[in-house]
Amino acid sequence: MEKKGLIYHLNAIEEKALVYSFAFSLVLVFVQVCFREAGHSLSWSEEIARYLFIWQCWMSVSLAERSKVHIRIFMATQGLPKKVRWVIEILVNLSVIAINVFFIYWGIAMVKFLINAGTTSTACKIPMWIIYLAMPLGSFTYSLRLCGNVYRLLTGKQEV
């Protein structure tokens, strides 16, 4: 029996959360459209769909990094020597980590502010800090993936 580590479980949680939230959003928006066509609009469904979309966007960044589907410009580095591409790849990863640290820091500051302010969403009365938590959490999980990239590049386990 294969031992499944922490990364395996985090990947599974990430994937399932995104798939189930997308499926729920799809059903929710479909029901909202049906109700609207029948003349009975649901005030809360649009808000829930919007907030789920925000969470899906921030959490899918990490999944996109794991799958290596982020937009990259390979033509600019394709003709360079392998060692130069390796250095550029490490610098790009470290730069994006630095940007994520900025998002994490200010995202946490915003979440703390919203907790203290006690603001809630209009229709569903969801505490707004829950919505804004997506940014630092998504940036953190993305940074973990980028740190893994840097580690694999430095140890030679990942090619450029």
Protein backbone atom coordinates (compact mmCIF):
# COMPACT_ATOMS: atom_id res chain seq x y z
CA MET A 1 0.00 0.00 0.00
CA GLU A 2 1.37 3.37 -1.04
CA LYS A 3 1.87 5.92 1.73
CA LYS A 4 0.15 9.19 0.91
CA GLY A 5 1.76 12.29 2.33
CA LEU A 6 0.61 15.77 3.26
CA ILE A 7 1.01 17.16 -0.26
CA TYR A 8 -1.22 14.41 -1.66
CA HIS A 9 -3.98 15.27 0.83
CA LEU A 10 -3.64 19.02 0.25
CA ASN A 11 -3.89 18.45 -3.51
CA ALA A 12 -7.02 16.34 -3.01
CA ILE A 13 -8.65 18.95 -0.77
CA GLU A 14 -7.80 21.72 -3.22
CA GLU A 15 -9.17 19.82 -6.22
CA LYS A 16 -12.36 18.68 -4.51
CA ALA A 17 -13.10 22.12 -3.07
CA LEU A 18 -12.74 23.69 -6.51
CA VAL A 19 -14.76 21.03 -8.34
CA TYR A 20 -17.62 20.98 -5.80
CA SER A 21 -17.76 24.76 -5.48
CA PHE A 22 -17.85 25.11 -9.27
CA ALA A 23 -20.63 22.54 -9.56
CA PHE A 24 -22.57 24.29 -6.80
CA SER A 25 -22.06 27.68 -8.48
CA LEU A 26 -23.29 26.31 -11.78
CA VAL A 27 -26.46 24.89 -10.22
CA LEU A 28 -27.00 28.07 -8.20
CA VAL A 29 -26.73 30.35 -11.23
CA PHE A 30 -28.97 28.03 -13.27
CA VAL A 31 -31.63 28.08 -10.53
CA GLN A 32 -31.32 31.88 -10.29
CA VAL A 33 -31.91 32.24 -14.04
CA CYS A 34 -34.92 29.90 -13.89
CA PHE A 35 -36.40 31.84 -10.98
CA ARG A 36 -35.76 35.15 -12.73
CA GLU A 37 -37.50 33.92 -15.88
CA ALA A 38 -40.46 32.87 -13.70
CA GLY A 39 -40.58 36.38 -12.23
CA HIS A 40 -39.21 35.48 -8.79
CA SER A 41 -35.61 36.59 -8.37
CA LEU A 42 -33.49 35.17 -5.53
CA SER A 43 -31.67 38.03 -3.83
CA TRP A 44 -29.03 35.88 -2.19
CA SER A 45 -27.97 33.53 -5.00
CA GLU A 46 -26.07 36.11 -7.03
CA GLU A 47 -24.09 37.17 -3.96
CA ILE A 48 -23.18 33.58 -3.06
CA ALA A 49 -22.14 32.86 -6.67
CA ARG A 50 -19.97 36.00 -6.75
CA TYR A 51 -18.20 35.13 -3.50
CA LEU A 52 -17.66 31.53 -4.58
CA PHE A 53 -16.15 32.83 -7.82
CA ILE A 54 -13.72 35.01 -5.85
CA TRP A 55 -12.64 32.02 -3.78
CA GLN A 56 -12.35 29.82 -6.87
CA CYS A 57 -10.11 32.36 -8.60
CA TRP A 58 -7.72 32.72 -5.69
CA MET A 59 -7.55 29.01 -4.94
CA SER A 60 -7.16 27.92 -8.56
CA VAL A 61 -3.91 29.90 -8.89
CA SER A 62 -2.15 27.22 -6.83
CA LEU A 63 -3.72 24.43 -8.87
CA ALA A 64 -2.65 26.15 -12.10
CA GLU A 65 0.93 26.31 -10.81
CA ARG A 66 0.86 22.62 -9.91
CA SER A 67 -0.36 21.79 -13.42
CA LYS A 68 2.11 24.26 -15.00
CA VAL A 69 -0.59 26.07 -16.98
CA HIS A 70 0.19 29.65 -15.98
CA ILE A 71 0.96 31.96 -18.88
CA ARG A 72 4.68 32.03 -19.54
CA ILE A 73 6.77 33.47 -22.33
CA PHE A 74 9.10 30.66 -23.34
CA MET A 75 10.21 32.26 -26.58
CA ALA A 76 12.18 34.91 -24.69
CA THR A 77 14.30 32.29 -22.90
CA GLN A 78 14.18 29.42 -25.38
CA GLY A 79 17.43 30.34 -27.16
CA LEU A 80 19.38 31.02 -23.95
CA PRO A 81 21.82 28.55 -22.41
CA LYS A 82 20.32 26.10 -19.91
CA LYS A 83 22.15 27.66 -16.95
CA VAL A 84 20.78 31.14 -17.79
CA ARG A 85 17.23 29.73 -18.13
CA TRP A 86 17.71 28.02 -14.74
CA VAL A 87 18.71 31.33 -13.09
CA ILE A 88 15.82 33.18 -14.75
CA GLU A 89 13.37 30.49 -13.61
CA ILE A 90 14.56 30.77 -10.02
CA LEU A 91 14.41 34.58 -10.15
CA VAL A 92 10.89 34.53 -11.58
CA ASN A 93 9.71 32.11 -8.89
CA LEU A 94 11.30 34.21 -6.14
CA SER A 95 9.78 37.39 -7.60
CA VAL A 96 6.31 35.90 -7.61
CA ILE A 97 6.84 34.67 -4.03
CA ALA A 98 7.73 38.25 -3.07
CA ILE A 99 4.52 39.53 -4.68
CA ASN A 100 2.57 36.85 -2.83
CA VAL A 101 4.16 37.88 0.48
CA PHE A 102 2.81 41.37 -0.22
CA PHE A 103 -0.68 39.94 -0.87
CA ILE A 104 -0.48 37.75 2.24
CA TYR A 105 0.61 40.62 4.49
CA TRP A 106 -1.96 43.14 3.28
CA GLY A 107 -4.64 40.48 2.92
CA ILE A 108 -4.22 39.52 6.57
CA ALA A 109 -4.30 43.20 7.52
CA MET A 110 -7.57 43.60 5.61
CA VAL A 111 -9.06 40.48 7.21
CA LYS A 112 -8.15 41.77 10.69
CA PHE A 113 -9.71 45.14 9.87
CA LEU A 114 -12.92 43.51 8.66
CA ILE A 115 -13.12 41.27 11.73
CA ASN A 116 -12.83 44.33 13.97
CA ALA A 117 -15.29 46.32 11.84
CA GLY A 118 -17.83 43.49 11.85
CA THR A 119 -18.99 44.15 8.29
CA THR A 120 -21.26 41.63 6.60
CA SER A 121 -22.49 41.08 3.07
CA THR A 122 -25.74 42.70 2.04
CA ALA A 123 -28.06 39.79 1.22
CA CYS A 124 -26.62 36.83 3.13
CA LYS A 125 -25.01 38.60 6.09
CA ILE A 126 -21.78 36.64 5.57
CA PRO A 127 -18.90 38.22 7.50
CA MET A 128 -16.84 40.00 4.84
CA TRP A 129 -13.57 38.82 6.35
CA ILE A 130 -14.44 35.32 5.14
CA ILE A 131 -14.61 36.60 1.56
CA TYR A 132 -11.36 38.58 1.86
CA LEU A 133 -9.58 35.60 3.44
CA ALA A 134 -9.39 34.09 -0.06
CA MET A 135 -6.58 36.45 -1.07
CA PRO A 136 -4.00 35.66 1.65
CA LEU A 137 -4.92 31.98 1.68
CA GLY A 138 -4.71 31.63 -2.11
CA SER A 139 -1.43 33.56 -2.17
CA PHE A 140 -0.06 31.34 0.58
CA THR A 141 -0.89 28.08 -1.20
CA TYR A 142 0.52 29.49 -4.44
CA SER A 143 3.72 30.46 -2.61
CA LEU A 144 4.05 26.93 -1.24
CA ARG A 145 3.97 25.59 -4.80
CA LEU A 146 6.55 28.18 -5.91
CA CYS A 147 8.83 27.28 -2.98
CA GLY A 148 8.56 23.67 -4.13
CA ASN A 149 9.57 24.76 -7.64
CA VAL A 150 12.63 26.61 -6.31
CA TYR A 151 13.60 23.61 -4.17
CA ARG A 152 13.30 21.21 -7.10
CA LEU A 153 15.28 23.58 -9.35
CA LEU A 154 18.05 23.93 -6.77
CA THR A 155 18.27 20.19 -6.16
CA GLY A 156 18.13 19.30 -9.88
CA LYS A 157 14.82 17.45 -9.57
CA GLN A 158 13.15 19.84 -12.04
CA GLU A 159 14.34 20.66 -15.52
CA VAL A 160 14.13 24.10 -17.14
